[in-house]
Amino acid sequence: QLQLVESGGGLVQPGGSLRLSCVASGFTLDYYAIGWFRQAPGKEREGVSCISSSGGSTNYADSVKGRFTISRDNAKNTVYLQMNSLKPEDTAVYYCGVRGDYWCPGNVDSEDFGSWGQGTQVTVSS
């Protein structure tokens, strides 16, 4: 059974940092691009970042560029999202998804990804 499990969320003050993890079970991530998405209450799921299968190509939503960094460790079957300089508007449930291809599209759209996990809550508040 293909499954992704997200973890690492929590409550953090503005300006703080968190590192999210996305671990795959039931399949190997080596051949697939992985995306991070987030969904705030009352809003649609939005793409945050994507990383190609090799890790050699990444892209980010404009709202997180320069603050978030996506990376992967294929040996651990894990993709990470390092989030720095967090803002209250980053508050959301964060999900990772797998794309059925090795490369990332220019527009990280949730329709191109699947095998969603349960998500991890990130709350940025003082």
PDB file of N, CA and C in Angstrom:
ATOM      1  N   GLN A   1       0.844  -1.187   0.000  1.00  0.00           N
ATOM      2  CA  GLN A   1       0.000   0.000   0.000  1.00  0.00           C
ATOM      3  C   GLN A   1       0.883   1.241   0.000  1.00  0.00           C
ATOM      4  N   LEU A   2       0.638   2.118  -0.988  1.00  0.00           N
ATOM      5  CA  LEU A   2       1.412   3.339  -1.068  1.00  0.00           C
ATOM      6  C   LEU A   2       0.948   4.325  -0.021  1.00  0.00           C
ATOM      7  N   GLN A   3       1.880   4.858   0.730  1.00  0.00           N
ATOM      8  CA  GLN A   3       1.498   5.791   1.781  1.00  0.00           C
ATOM      9  C   GLN A   3       2.604   6.791   2.030  1.00  0.00           C
ATOM     10  N   LEU A   4       2.194   8.032   2.244  1.00  0.00           N
ATOM     11  CA  LEU A   4       3.107   9.074   2.671  1.00  0.00           C
ATOM     12  C   LEU A   4       2.696   9.522   4.064  1.00  0.00           C
ATOM     13  N   VAL A   5       3.685   9.763   4.906  1.00  0.00           N
ATOM     14  CA  VAL A   5       3.409  10.209   6.263  1.00  0.00           C
ATOM     15  C   VAL A   5       4.197  11.477   6.522  1.00  0.00           C
ATOM     16  N   GLU A   6       3.463  12.548   6.829  1.00  0.00           N
ATOM     17  CA  GLU A   6       4.087  13.823   7.133  1.00  0.00           C
ATOM     18  C   GLU A   6       4.246  13.987   8.640  1.00  0.00           C
ATOM     19  N   SER A   7       5.284  14.674   9.041  1.00  0.00           N
ATOM     20  CA  SER A   7       5.506  14.965  10.462  1.00  0.00           C
ATOM     21  C   SER A   7       6.369  16.208  10.590  1.00  0.00           C
ATOM     22  N   GLY A   8       6.471  16.694  11.826  1.00  0.00           N
ATOM     23  CA  GLY A   8       7.342  17.824  12.099  1.00  0.00           C
ATOM     24  C   GLY A   8       6.637  19.144  12.333  1.00  0.00           C
ATOM     25  N   GLY A   9       5.329  19.157  12.169  1.00  0.00           N
ATOM     26  CA  GLY A   9       4.597  20.389  12.397  1.00  0.00           C
ATOM     27  C   GLY A   9       4.532  20.752  13.869  1.00  0.00           C
ATOM     28  N   GLY A  10       3.976  21.910  14.147  1.00  0.00           N
ATOM     29  CA  GLY A  10       3.837  22.348  15.525  1.00  0.00           C
ATOM     30  C   GLY A  10       3.494  23.808  15.601  1.00  0.00           C
ATOM     31  N   LEU A  11       3.567  24.331  16.801  1.00  0.00           N
ATOM     32  CA  LEU A  11       3.314  25.746  17.058  1.00  0.00           C
ATOM     33  C   LEU A  11       4.653  26.465  17.180  1.00  0.00           C
ATOM     34  N   VAL A  12       4.794  27.543  16.429  1.00  0.00           N
ATOM     35  CA  VAL A  12       6.053  28.286  16.435  1.00  0.00           C
ATOM     36  C   VAL A  12       5.742  29.776  16.374  1.00  0.00           C
ATOM     37  N   GLN A  13       6.607  30.563  16.957  1.00  0.00           N
ATOM     38  CA  GLN A  13       6.420  32.016  16.924  1.00  0.00           C
ATOM     39  C   GLN A  13       6.850  32.574  15.570  1.00  0.00           C
ATOM     40  N   PRO A  14       6.306  33.706  15.181  1.00  0.00           N
ATOM     41  CA  PRO A  14       6.765  34.351  13.945  1.00  0.00           C
ATOM     42  C   PRO A  14       8.275  34.534  13.953  1.00  0.00           C
ATOM     43  N   GLY A  15       8.875  34.233  12.817  1.00  0.00           N
ATOM     44  CA  GLY A  15      10.329  34.294  12.717  1.00  0.00           C
ATOM     45  C   GLY A  15      11.020  32.987  13.041  1.00  0.00           C
ATOM     46  N   GLY A  16      10.273  32.032  13.566  1.00  0.00           N
ATOM     47  CA  GLY A  16      10.848  30.750  13.933  1.00  0.00           C
ATOM     48  C   GLY A  16      11.001  29.795  12.760  1.00  0.00           C
ATOM     49  N   SER A  17      11.445  28.580  13.075  1.00  0.00           N
ATOM     50  CA  SER A  17      11.718  27.574  12.055  1.00  0.00           C
ATOM     51  C   SER A  17      11.116  26.228  12.420  1.00  0.00           C
ATOM     52  N   LEU A  18      10.809  25.466  11.402  1.00  0.00           N
ATOM     53  CA  LEU A  18      10.385  24.076  11.546  1.00  0.00           C
ATOM     54  C   LEU A  18      10.939  23.290  10.375  1.00  0.00           C
ATOM     55  N   ARG A  19      11.137  22.000  10.594  1.00  0.00           N
ATOM     56  CA  ARG A  19      11.492  21.112   9.490  1.00  0.00           C
ATOM     57  C   ARG A  19      10.467  19.998   9.411  1.00  0.00           C
ATOM     58  N   LEU A  20       9.810  19.941   8.267  1.00  0.00           N
ATOM     59  CA  LEU A  20       8.822  18.896   8.029  1.00  0.00           C
ATOM     60  C   LEU A  20       9.489  17.720   7.325  1.00  0.00           C
ATOM     61  N   SER A  21       8.964  16.538   7.600  1.00  0.00           N
ATOM     62  CA  SER A  21       9.443  15.321   6.950  1.00  0.00           C
ATOM     63  C   SER A  21       8.282  14.618   6.266  1.00  0.00           C
ATOM     64  N   CYS A  22       8.597  13.983   5.166  1.00  0.00           N
ATOM     65  CA  CYS A  22       7.622  13.200   4.404  1.00  0.00           C
ATOM     66  C   CYS A  22       8.273  11.851   4.132  1.00  0.00           C
ATOM     67  N   VAL A  23       7.756  10.821   4.776  1.00  0.00           N
ATOM     68  CA  VAL A  23       8.330   9.480   4.632  1.00  0.00           C
ATOM     69  C   VAL A  23       7.383   8.614   3.835  1.00  0.00           C
ATOM     70  N   ALA A  24       7.938   7.884   2.884  1.00  0.00           N
ATOM     71  CA  ALA A  24       7.136   6.993   2.047  1.00  0.00           C
ATOM     72  C   ALA A  24       7.220   5.560   2.546  1.00  0.00           C
ATOM     73  N   SER A  25       6.119   4.873   2.452  1.00  0.00           N
ATOM     74  CA  SER A  25       6.111   3.445   2.741  1.00  0.00           C
ATOM     75  C   SER A  25       5.352   2.737   1.633  1.00  0.00           C
ATOM     76  N   GLY A  26       5.785   1.525   1.366  1.00  0.00           N
ATOM     77  CA  GLY A  26       5.112   0.750   0.332  1.00  0.00           C
ATOM     78  C   GLY A  26       5.660   0.981  -1.056  1.00  0.00           C
ATOM     79  N   PHE A  27       6.522   1.969  -1.215  1.00  0.00           N
ATOM     80  CA  PHE A  27       7.163   2.214  -2.498  1.00  0.00           C
ATOM     81  C   PHE A  27       8.419   3.061  -2.244  1.00  0.00           C
ATOM     82  N   THR A  28       9.268   3.108  -3.261  1.00  0.00           N
ATOM     83  CA  THR A  28      10.473   3.911  -3.150  1.00  0.00           C
ATOM     84  C   THR A  28      10.274   5.241  -3.866  1.00  0.00           C
ATOM     85  N   LEU A  29      10.763   6.295  -3.224  1.00  0.00           N
ATOM     86  CA  LEU A  29      10.601   7.632  -3.791  1.00  0.00           C
ATOM     87  C   LEU A  29      11.599   7.944  -4.894  1.00  0.00           C
ATOM     88  N   ASP A  30      12.589   7.068  -5.080  1.00  0.00           N
ATOM     89  CA  ASP A  30      13.737   7.380  -5.936  1.00  0.00           C
ATOM     90  C   ASP A  30      13.358   7.921  -7.314  1.00  0.00           C
ATOM     91  N   TYR A  31      12.267   7.444  -7.869  1.00  0.00           N
ATOM     92  CA  TYR A  31      11.973   7.744  -9.267  1.00  0.00           C
ATOM     93  C   TYR A  31      10.934   8.839  -9.461  1.00  0.00           C
ATOM     94  N   TYR A  32      10.533   9.458  -8.351  1.00  0.00           N
ATOM     95  CA  TYR A  32       9.398  10.370  -8.435  1.00  0.00           C
ATOM     96  C   TYR A  32       9.705  11.751  -7.878  1.00  0.00           C
ATOM     97  N   ALA A  33       9.112  12.737  -8.538  1.00  0.00           N
ATOM     98  CA  ALA A  33       9.119  14.086  -7.975  1.00  0.00           C
ATOM     99  C   ALA A  33       8.137  14.132  -6.804  1.00  0.00           C
ATOM    100  N   ILE A  34       8.463  14.897  -5.807  1.00  0.00           N
ATOM    101  CA  ILE A  34       7.639  15.033  -4.614  1.00  0.00           C
ATOM    102  C   ILE A  34       7.315  16.513  -4.400  1.00  0.00           C
ATOM    103  N   GLY A  35       6.084  16.764  -4.048  1.00  0.00           N
ATOM    104  CA  GLY A  35       5.674  18.136  -3.788  1.00  0.00           C
ATOM    105  C   GLY A  35       5.175  18.315  -2.367  1.00  0.00           C
ATOM    106  N   TRP A  36       5.362  19.523  -1.881  1.00  0.00           N
ATOM    107  CA  TRP A  36       4.767  19.927  -0.599  1.00  0.00           C
ATOM    108  C   TRP A  36       3.644  20.913  -0.906  1.00  0.00           C
ATOM    109  N   PHE A  37       2.553  20.738  -0.180  1.00  0.00           N
ATOM    110  CA  PHE A  37       1.383  21.574  -0.363  1.00  0.00           C
ATOM    111  C   PHE A  37       0.886  22.015   1.008  1.00  0.00           C
ATOM    112  N   ARG A  38       0.036  23.002   1.025  1.00  0.00           N
ATOM    113  CA  ARG A  38      -0.565  23.411   2.287  1.00  0.00           C
ATOM    114  C   ARG A  38      -2.003  23.856   2.052  1.00  0.00           C
ATOM    115  N   GLN A  39      -2.787  23.717   3.090  1.00  0.00           N
ATOM    116  CA  GLN A  39      -4.185  24.111   3.009  1.00  0.00           C
ATOM    117  C   GLN A  39      -4.579  24.793   4.313  1.00  0.00           C
ATOM    118  N   ALA A  40      -4.934  26.048   4.188  1.00  0.00           N
ATOM    119  CA  ALA A  40      -5.404  26.810   5.331  1.00  0.00           C
ATOM    120  C   ALA A  40      -6.928  26.691   5.406  1.00  0.00           C
ATOM    121  N   PRO A  41      -7.515  26.911   6.572  1.00  0.00           N
ATOM    122  CA  PRO A  41      -8.973  26.801   6.709  1.00  0.00           C
ATOM    123  C   PRO A  41      -9.697  27.697   5.719  1.00  0.00           C
ATOM    124  N   GLY A  42     -10.647  27.111   5.014  1.00  0.00           N
ATOM    125  CA  GLY A  42     -11.441  27.871   4.068  1.00  0.00           C
ATOM    126  C   GLY A  42     -10.763  28.173   2.752  1.00  0.00           C
ATOM    127  N   LYS A  43      -9.556  27.635   2.563  1.00  0.00           N
ATOM    128  CA  LYS A  43      -8.819  27.906   1.330  1.00  0.00           C
ATOM    129  C   LYS A  43      -8.514  26.609   0.598  1.00  0.00           C
ATOM    130  N   GLU A  44      -8.212  26.746  -0.680  1.00  0.00           N
ATOM    131  CA  GLU A  44      -7.849  25.573  -1.465  1.00  0.00           C
ATOM    132  C   GLU A  44      -6.409  25.154  -1.155  1.00  0.00           C
ATOM    133  N   ARG A  45      -6.126  23.895  -1.460  1.00  0.00           N
ATOM    134  CA  ARG A  45      -4.774  23.402  -1.292  1.00  0.00           C
ATOM    135  C   ARG A  45      -3.866  24.094  -2.308  1.00  0.00           C
ATOM    136  N   GLU A  46      -2.737  24.605  -1.850  1.00  0.00           N
ATOM    137  CA  GLU A  46      -1.824  25.301  -2.740  1.00  0.00           C
ATOM    138  C   GLU A  46      -0.449  24.642  -2.737  1.00  0.00           C
ATOM    139  N   GLY A  47       0.201  24.683  -3.886  1.00  0.00           N
ATOM    140  CA  GLY A  47       1.545  24.143  -3.990  1.00  0.00           C
ATOM    141  C   GLY A  47       2.558  25.043  -3.322  1.00  0.00           C
ATOM    142  N   VAL A  48       3.462  24.451  -2.579  1.00  0.00           N
ATOM    143  CA  VAL A  48       4.507  25.191  -1.875  1.00  0.00           C
ATOM    144  C   VAL A  48       5.857  24.986  -2.549  1.00  0.00           C
ATOM    145  N   SER A  49       6.157  23.722  -2.846  1.00  0.00           N
ATOM    146  CA  SER A  49       7.477  23.420  -3.402  1.00  0.00           C
ATOM    147  C   SER A  49       7.451  22.045  -4.040  1.00  0.00           C
ATOM    148  N   CYS A  50       8.407  21.819  -4.919  1.00  0.00           N
ATOM    149  CA  CYS A  50       8.546  20.516  -5.569  1.00  0.00           C
ATOM    150  C   CYS A  50      10.024  20.212  -5.744  1.00  0.00           C
ATOM    151  N   ILE A  51      10.357  18.926  -5.685  1.00  0.00           N
ATOM    152  CA  ILE A  51      11.736  18.499  -5.911  1.00  0.00           C
ATOM    153  C   ILE A  51      11.723  17.309  -6.858  1.00  0.00           C
ATOM    154  N   SER A  52      12.618  17.330  -7.816  1.00  0.00           N
ATOM    155  CA  SER A  52      12.699  16.241  -8.785  1.00  0.00           C
ATOM    156  C   SER A  52      13.238  14.974  -8.131  1.00  0.00           C
ATOM    157  N   SER A  53      13.170  13.875  -8.853  1.00  0.00           N
ATOM    158  CA  SER A  53      13.559  12.587  -8.281  1.00  0.00           C
ATOM    159  C   SER A  53      15.014  12.575  -7.824  1.00  0.00           C
ATOM    160  N   SER A  54      15.872  13.231  -8.567  1.00  0.00           N
ATOM    161  CA  SER A  54      17.300  13.249  -8.217  1.00  0.00           C
ATOM    162  C   SER A  54      17.630  14.323  -7.193  1.00  0.00           C
ATOM    163  N   GLY A  55      16.710  15.255  -7.013  1.00  0.00           N
ATOM    164  CA  GLY A  55      16.985  16.395  -6.134  1.00  0.00           C
ATOM    165  C   GLY A  55      17.680  17.527  -6.841  1.00  0.00           C
ATOM    166  N   GLY A  56      17.956  17.355  -8.120  1.00  0.00           N
ATOM    167  CA  GLY A  56      18.707  18.358  -8.842  1.00  0.00           C
ATOM    168  C   GLY A  56      17.903  19.556  -9.280  1.00  0.00           C
ATOM    169  N   SER A  57      16.589  19.450  -9.213  1.00  0.00           N
ATOM    170  CA  SER A  57      15.716  20.548  -9.626  1.00  0.00           C
ATOM    171  C   SER A  57      14.649  20.778  -8.570  1.00  0.00           C
ATOM    172  N   THR A  58      14.473  22.038  -8.212  1.00  0.00           N
ATOM    173  CA  THR A  58      13.455  22.394  -7.225  1.00  0.00           C
ATOM    174  C   THR A  58      12.727  23.650  -7.689  1.00  0.00           C
ATOM    175  N   ASN A  59      11.511  23.818  -7.210  1.00  0.00           N
ATOM    176  CA  ASN A  59      10.846  25.103  -7.405  1.00  0.00           C
ATOM    177  C   ASN A  59       9.979  25.423  -6.192  1.00  0.00           C
ATOM    178  N   TYR A  60       9.640  26.695  -6.091  1.00  0.00           N
ATOM    179  CA  TYR A  60       8.951  27.197  -4.907  1.00  0.00           C
ATOM    180  C   TYR A  60       7.865  28.187  -5.294  1.00  0.00           C
ATOM    181  N   ALA A  61       6.839  28.217  -4.479  1.00  0.00           N
ATOM    182  CA  ALA A  61       5.857  29.286  -4.624  1.00  0.00           C
ATOM    183  C   ALA A  61       6.521  30.613  -4.258  1.00  0.00           C
ATOM    184  N   ASP A  62       6.081  31.678  -4.899  1.00  0.00           N
ATOM    185  CA  ASP A  62       6.680  32.986  -4.630  1.00  0.00           C
ATOM    186  C   ASP A  62       6.588  33.361  -3.149  1.00  0.00           C
ATOM    187  N   SER A  63       5.527  32.936  -2.515  1.00  0.00           N
ATOM    188  CA  SER A  63       5.296  33.314  -1.118  1.00  0.00           C
ATOM    189  C   SER A  63       6.309  32.709  -0.150  1.00  0.00           C
ATOM    190  N   VAL A  64       7.044  31.679  -0.584  1.00  0.00           N
ATOM    191  CA  VAL A  64       7.990  31.018   0.327  1.00  0.00           C
ATOM    192  C   VAL A  64       9.430  31.069  -0.169  1.00  0.00           C
ATOM    193  N   LYS A  65       9.641  31.623  -1.347  1.00  0.00           N
ATOM    194  CA  LYS A  65      11.003  31.690  -1.886  1.00  0.00           C
ATOM    195  C   LYS A  65      11.930  32.437  -0.940  1.00  0.00           C
ATOM    196  N   GLY A  66      13.111  31.865  -0.741  1.00  0.00           N
ATOM    197  CA  GLY A  66      14.093  32.482   0.140  1.00  0.00           C
ATOM    198  C   GLY A  66      13.902  32.133   1.600  1.00  0.00           C
ATOM    199  N   ARG A  67      12.772  31.504   1.930  1.00  0.00           N
ATOM    200  CA  ARG A  67      12.509  31.129   3.334  1.00  0.00           C
ATOM    201  C   ARG A  67      12.426  29.615   3.514  1.00  0.00           C
ATOM    202  N   PHE A  68      11.908  28.916   2.520  1.00  0.00           N
ATOM    203  CA  PHE A  68      11.733  27.466   2.608  1.00  0.00           C
ATOM    204  C   PHE A  68      12.755  26.781   1.702  1.00  0.00           C
ATOM    205  N   THR A  69      13.189  25.599   2.126  1.00  0.00           N
ATOM    206  CA  THR A  69      14.103  24.796   1.317  1.00  0.00           C
ATOM    207  C   THR A  69      13.631  23.354   1.319  1.00  0.00           C
ATOM    208  N   ILE A  70      13.451  22.806   0.136  1.00  0.00           N
ATOM    209  CA  ILE A  70      13.059  21.410  -0.006  1.00  0.00           C
ATOM    210  C   ILE A  70      14.304  20.579  -0.301  1.00  0.00           C
ATOM    211  N   SER A  71      14.341  19.380   0.262  1.00  0.00           N
ATOM    212  CA  SER A  71      15.466  18.482   0.024  1.00  0.00           C
ATOM    213  C   SER A  71      14.968  17.051   0.160  1.00  0.00           C
ATOM    214  N   ARG A  72      15.809  16.120  -0.242  1.00  0.00           N
ATOM    215  CA  ARG A  72      15.406  14.721  -0.129  1.00  0.00           C
ATOM    216  C   ARG A  72      16.610  13.853   0.173  1.00  0.00           C
ATOM    217  N   ASP A  73      16.327  12.746   0.840  1.00  0.00           N
ATOM    218  CA  ASP A  73      17.317  11.723   1.114  1.00  0.00           C
ATOM    219  C   ASP A  73      16.709  10.409   0.635  1.00  0.00           C
ATOM    220  N   ASN A  74      17.039  10.027  -0.568  1.00  0.00           N
ATOM    221  CA  ASN A  74      16.428   8.827  -1.146  1.00  0.00           C
ATOM    222  C   ASN A  74      16.810   7.563  -0.379  1.00  0.00           C
ATOM    223  N   ALA A  75      17.959   7.568   0.239  1.00  0.00           N
ATOM    224  CA  ALA A  75      18.361   6.403   1.028  1.00  0.00           C
ATOM    225  C   ALA A  75      17.431   6.194   2.214  1.00  0.00           C
ATOM    226  N   LYS A  76      16.842   7.301   2.690  1.00  0.00           N
ATOM    227  CA  LYS A  76      15.898   7.225   3.808  1.00  0.00           C
ATOM    228  C   LYS A  76      14.453   7.299   3.332  1.00  0.00           C
ATOM    229  N   ASN A  77      14.282   7.359   2.012  1.00  0.00           N
ATOM    230  CA  ASN A  77      12.926   7.430   1.457  1.00  0.00           C
ATOM    231  C   ASN A  77      12.150   8.613   2.047  1.00  0.00           C
ATOM    232  N   THR A  78      12.838   9.730   2.181  1.00  0.00           N
ATOM    233  CA  THR A  78      12.286  10.877   2.893  1.00  0.00           C
ATOM    234  C   THR A  78      12.552  12.171   2.139  1.00  0.00           C
ATOM    235  N   VAL A  79      11.557  13.044   2.162  1.00  0.00           N
ATOM    236  CA  VAL A  79      11.680  14.397   1.633  1.00  0.00           C
ATOM    237  C   VAL A  79      11.432  15.362   2.784  1.00  0.00           C
ATOM    238  N   TYR A  80      12.198  16.445   2.802  1.00  0.00           N
ATOM    239  CA  TYR A  80      12.117  17.417   3.885  1.00  0.00           C
ATOM    240  C   TYR A  80      11.673  18.779   3.357  1.00  0.00           C
ATOM    241  N   LEU A  81      11.116  19.560   4.256  1.00  0.00           N
ATOM    242  CA  LEU A  81      10.835  20.960   3.962  1.00  0.00           C
ATOM    243  C   LEU A  81      11.313  21.775   5.156  1.00  0.00           C
ATOM    244  N   GLN A  82      12.431  22.456   4.970  1.00  0.00           N
ATOM    245  CA  GLN A  82      12.953  23.342   6.007  1.00  0.00           C
ATOM    246  C   GLN A  82      12.278  24.701   5.847  1.00  0.00           C
ATOM    247  N   MET A  83      11.630  25.147   6.910  1.00  0.00           N
ATOM    248  CA  MET A  83      10.872  26.394   6.868  1.00  0.00           C
ATOM    249  C   MET A  83      11.475  27.370   7.865  1.00  0.00           C
ATOM    250  N   ASN A  84      12.004  28.461   7.360  1.00  0.00           N
ATOM    251  CA  ASN A  84      12.605  29.498   8.196  1.00  0.00           C
ATOM    252  C   ASN A  84      11.813  30.787   8.071  1.00  0.00           C
ATOM    253  N   SER A  85      12.057  31.697   8.995  1.00  0.00           N
ATOM    254  CA  SER A  85      11.394  33.010   8.979  1.00  0.00           C
ATOM    255  C   SER A  85       9.888  32.858   8.805  1.00  0.00           C
ATOM    256  N   LEU A  86       9.313  31.994   9.577  1.00  0.00           N
ATOM    257  CA  LEU A  86       7.890  31.692   9.432  1.00  0.00           C
ATOM    258  C   LEU A  86       7.021  32.901   9.764  1.00  0.00           C
ATOM    259  N   LYS A  87       5.913  32.996   9.042  1.00  0.00           N
ATOM    260  CA  LYS A  87       4.961  34.084   9.200  1.00  0.00           C
ATOM    261  C   LYS A  87       3.594  33.517   9.574  1.00  0.00           C
ATOM    262  N   PRO A  88       2.749  34.323  10.186  1.00  0.00           N
ATOM    263  CA  PRO A  88       1.403  33.826  10.513  1.00  0.00           C
ATOM    264  C   PRO A  88       0.653  33.298   9.291  1.00  0.00           C
ATOM    265  N   GLU A  89       0.894  33.876   8.135  1.00  0.00           N
ATOM    266  CA  GLU A  89       0.201  33.417   6.934  1.00  0.00           C
ATOM    267  C   GLU A  89       0.693  32.060   6.435  1.00  0.00           C
ATOM    268  N   ASP A  90       1.738  31.524   7.042  1.00  0.00           N
ATOM    269  CA  ASP A  90       2.185  30.168   6.722  1.00  0.00           C
ATOM    270  C   ASP A  90       1.375  29.104   7.478  1.00  0.00           C
ATOM    271  N   THR A  91       0.520  29.548   8.373  1.00  0.00           N
ATOM    272  CA  THR A  91      -0.300  28.617   9.141  1.00  0.00           C
ATOM    273  C   THR A  91      -1.209  27.815   8.226  1.00  0.00           C
ATOM    274  N   ALA A  92      -1.117  26.498   8.318  1.00  0.00           N
ATOM    275  CA  ALA A  92      -1.890  25.601   7.452  1.00  0.00           C
ATOM    276  C   ALA A  92      -1.576  24.163   7.832  1.00  0.00           C
ATOM    277  N   VAL A  93      -2.343  23.258   7.249  1.00  0.00           N
ATOM    278  CA  VAL A  93      -1.973  21.850   7.281  1.00  0.00           C
ATOM    279  C   VAL A  93      -1.104  21.600   6.050  1.00  0.00           C
ATOM    280  N   TYR A  94       0.051  21.004   6.281  1.00  0.00           N
ATOM    281  CA  TYR A  94       0.998  20.754   5.209  1.00  0.00           C
ATOM    282  C   TYR A  94       0.957  19.277   4.805  1.00  0.00           C
ATOM    283  N   TYR A  95       0.921  19.058   3.504  1.00  0.00           N
ATOM    284  CA  TYR A  95       0.851  17.716   2.940  1.00  0.00           C
ATOM    285  C   TYR A  95       1.992  17.519   1.938  1.00  0.00           C
ATOM    286  N   CYS A  96       2.402  16.272   1.786  1.00  0.00           N
ATOM    287  CA  CYS A  96       3.290  15.953   0.679  1.00  0.00           C
ATOM    288  C   CYS A  96       2.544  15.016  -0.264  1.00  0.00           C
ATOM    289  N   GLY A  97       2.927  15.084  -1.524  1.00  0.00           N
ATOM    290  CA  GLY A  97       2.297  14.260  -2.541  1.00  0.00           C
ATOM    291  C   GLY A  97       3.343  13.776  -3.533  1.00  0.00           C
ATOM    292  N   VAL A  98       3.079  12.660  -4.160  1.00  0.00           N
ATOM    293  CA  VAL A  98       4.005  12.089  -5.131  1.00  0.00           C
ATOM    294  C   VAL A  98       3.457  12.304  -6.539  1.00  0.00           C
ATOM    295  N   ARG A  99       4.345  12.649  -7.405  1.00  0.00           N
ATOM    296  CA  ARG A  99       3.994  12.853  -8.808  1.00  0.00           C
ATOM    297  C   ARG A  99       4.434  11.636  -9.613  1.00  0.00           C
ATOM    298  N   GLY A 100       3.632  11.198 -10.544  1.00  0.00           N
ATOM    299  CA  GLY A 100       3.954  10.013 -11.331  1.00  0.00           C
ATOM    300  C   GLY A 100       4.991  10.252 -12.407  1.00  0.00           C
ATOM    301  N   ASP A 101       5.998  11.027 -12.107  1.00  0.00           N
ATOM    302  CA  ASP A 101       7.056  11.344 -13.054  1.00  0.00           C
ATOM    303  C   ASP A 101       8.253  11.856 -12.261  1.00  0.00           C
ATOM    304  N   TYR A 102       9.386  11.973 -12.899  1.00  0.00           N
ATOM    305  CA  TYR A 102      10.605  12.322 -12.174  1.00  0.00           C
ATOM    306  C   TYR A 102      10.856  13.824 -12.076  1.00  0.00           C
ATOM    307  N   TRP A 103      10.123  14.615 -12.888  1.00  0.00           N
ATOM    308  CA  TRP A 103      10.397  16.049 -12.926  1.00  0.00           C
ATOM    309  C   TRP A 103       9.244  16.847 -12.323  1.00  0.00           C
ATOM    310  N   CYS A 104       9.548  18.105 -11.973  1.00  0.00           N
ATOM    311  CA  CYS A 104       8.558  18.990 -11.379  1.00  0.00           C
ATOM    312  C   CYS A 104       7.968  19.908 -12.442  1.00  0.00           C
ATOM    313  N   PRO A 105       6.676  20.066 -12.437  1.00  0.00           N
ATOM    314  CA  PRO A 105       6.067  21.030 -13.356  1.00  0.00           C
ATOM    315  C   PRO A 105       6.365  22.446 -12.897  1.00  0.00           C
ATOM    316  N   GLY A 106       6.277  23.380 -13.828  1.00  0.00           N
ATOM    317  CA  GLY A 106       6.518  24.767 -13.470  1.00  0.00           C
ATOM    318  C   GLY A 106       5.504  25.277 -12.466  1.00  0.00           C
ATOM    319  N   ASN A 107       4.276  24.850 -12.626  1.00  0.00           N
ATOM    320  CA  ASN A 107       3.211  25.200 -11.686  1.00  0.00           C
ATOM    321  C   ASN A 107       2.904  23.970 -10.841  1.00  0.00           C
ATOM    322  N   VAL A 108       3.171  24.044  -9.556  1.00  0.00           N
ATOM    323  CA  VAL A 108       2.977  22.897  -8.672  1.00  0.00           C
ATOM    324  C   VAL A 108       1.494  22.818  -8.305  1.00  0.00           C
ATOM    325  N   ASP A 109       0.782  21.984  -9.039  1.00  0.00           N
ATOM    326  CA  ASP A 109      -0.668  21.863  -8.911  1.00  0.00           C
ATOM    327  C   ASP A 109      -0.994  20.530  -8.247  1.00  0.00           C
ATOM    328  N   SER A 110      -1.858  20.575  -7.258  1.00  0.00           N
ATOM    329  CA  SER A 110      -2.175  19.348  -6.521  1.00  0.00           C
ATOM    330  C   SER A 110      -2.809  18.286  -7.412  1.00  0.00           C
ATOM    331  N   GLU A 111      -3.374  18.673  -8.539  1.00  0.00           N
ATOM    332  CA  GLU A 111      -3.995  17.685  -9.430  1.00  0.00           C
ATOM    333  C   GLU A 111      -2.957  16.749 -10.052  1.00  0.00           C
ATOM    334  N   ASP A 112      -1.701  17.159 -10.060  1.00  0.00           N
ATOM    335  CA  ASP A 112      -0.640  16.340 -10.644  1.00  0.00           C
ATOM    336  C   ASP A 112       0.017  15.419  -9.627  1.00  0.00           C
ATOM    337  N   PHE A 113      -0.445  15.451  -8.388  1.00  0.00           N
ATOM    338  CA  PHE A 113       0.175  14.681  -7.323  1.00  0.00           C
ATOM    339  C   PHE A 113      -0.873  13.819  -6.628  1.00  0.00           C
ATOM    340  N   GLY A 114      -0.399  12.807  -5.880  1.00  0.00           N
ATOM    341  CA  GLY A 114      -1.341  11.946  -5.189  1.00  0.00           C
ATOM    342  C   GLY A 114      -0.690  11.230  -4.029  1.00  0.00           C
ATOM    343  N   SER A 115      -1.384  10.196  -3.549  1.00  0.00           N
ATOM    344  CA  SER A 115      -0.935   9.409  -2.384  1.00  0.00           C
ATOM    345  C   SER A 115      -0.724  10.304  -1.171  1.00  0.00           C
ATOM    346  N   TRP A 116      -1.685  11.180  -0.945  1.00  0.00           N
ATOM    347  CA  TRP A 116      -1.583  12.147   0.151  1.00  0.00           C
ATOM    348  C   TRP A 116      -1.565  11.466   1.513  1.00  0.00           C
ATOM    349  N   GLY A 117      -0.788  12.054   2.397  1.00  0.00           N
ATOM    350  CA  GLY A 117      -0.800  11.616   3.786  1.00  0.00           C
ATOM    351  C   GLY A 117      -1.878  12.347   4.562  1.00  0.00           C
ATOM    352  N   GLN A 118      -1.797  12.240   5.872  1.00  0.00           N
ATOM    353  CA  GLN A 118      -2.811  12.865   6.729  1.00  0.00           C
ATOM    354  C   GLN A 118      -2.505  14.334   6.993  1.00  0.00           C
ATOM    355  N   GLY A 119      -1.307  14.752   6.645  1.00  0.00           N
ATOM    356  CA  GLY A 119      -0.902  16.135   6.843  1.00  0.00           C
ATOM    357  C   GLY A 119      -0.342  16.385   8.229  1.00  0.00           C
ATOM    358  N   THR A 120       0.332  17.513   8.361  1.00  0.00           N
ATOM    359  CA  THR A 120       0.869  17.933   9.652  1.00  0.00           C
ATOM    360  C   THR A 120       0.559  19.418   9.840  1.00  0.00           C
ATOM    361  N   GLN A 121       0.048  19.762  11.005  1.00  0.00           N
ATOM    362  CA  GLN A 121      -0.402  21.123  11.255  1.00  0.00           C
ATOM    363  C   GLN A 121       0.779  22.020  11.608  1.00  0.00           C
ATOM    364  N   VAL A 122       0.856  23.154  10.934  1.00  0.00           N
ATOM    365  CA  VAL A 122       1.837  24.186  11.259  1.00  0.00           C
ATOM    366  C   VAL A 122       1.061  25.425  11.670  1.00  0.00           C
ATOM    367  N   THR A 123       1.339  25.911  12.857  1.00  0.00           N
ATOM    368  CA  THR A 123       0.689  27.114  13.363  1.00  0.00           C
ATOM    369  C   THR A 123       1.761  28.118  13.756  1.00  0.00           C
ATOM    370  N   VAL A 124       1.687  29.295  13.147  1.00  0.00           N
ATOM    371  CA  VAL A 124       2.644  30.361  13.429  1.00  0.00           C
ATOM    372  C   VAL A 124       1.896  31.470  14.149  1.00  0.00           C
ATOM    373  N   SER A 125       2.211  31.635  15.406  1.00  0.00           N
ATOM    374  CA  SER A 125       1.465  32.595  16.217  1.00  0.00           C
ATOM    375  C   SER A 125       2.293  32.991  17.425  1.00  0.00           C
ATOM    376  N   SER A 126       2.126  34.222  17.836  1.00  0.00           N
ATOM    377  CA  SER A 126       2.796  34.686  19.047  1.00  0.00           C
ATOM    378  C   SER A 126       1.888  34.507  20.257  1.00  0.00           C
TER     379      SER A 126
END
